[in-house]
Amino acid sequence: MPPLQFTDEEMALLRELAEPIPYRQRQEFLSTVAQELANRPQRGAGVVFDVAREVQRGFVVEARWTPPERETSGAPRLARGRAPFTR
């Protein structure tokens, strides 16, 4: 598959839609968009936006549901330097 050529407007759309995706996944996002666009008979800013937005949904949802790393100090949360709540 030959490399796709994008206009400045299309590149701006792709950069904007890549922002909420974690940095380590952006190359995969752009590759997936390029694969989807290669299967389209026509391409313009509207088609690029529609395809990229659809692909973005999968990446953003996946990134949003990645569980956060837990603290491993073992101390109860309230015992870390804060006075307990009293009335």
Foldseek 3Di string as FASTA:
>chain_A
DDDDDDDPLLVVLLVVLLVLAPPVCSVVLVVQLRVVVVPDPDDDSVVSNVSSNVSSVVRNVVVVPDDDDDDDPPDPPCPPPHDDDDD
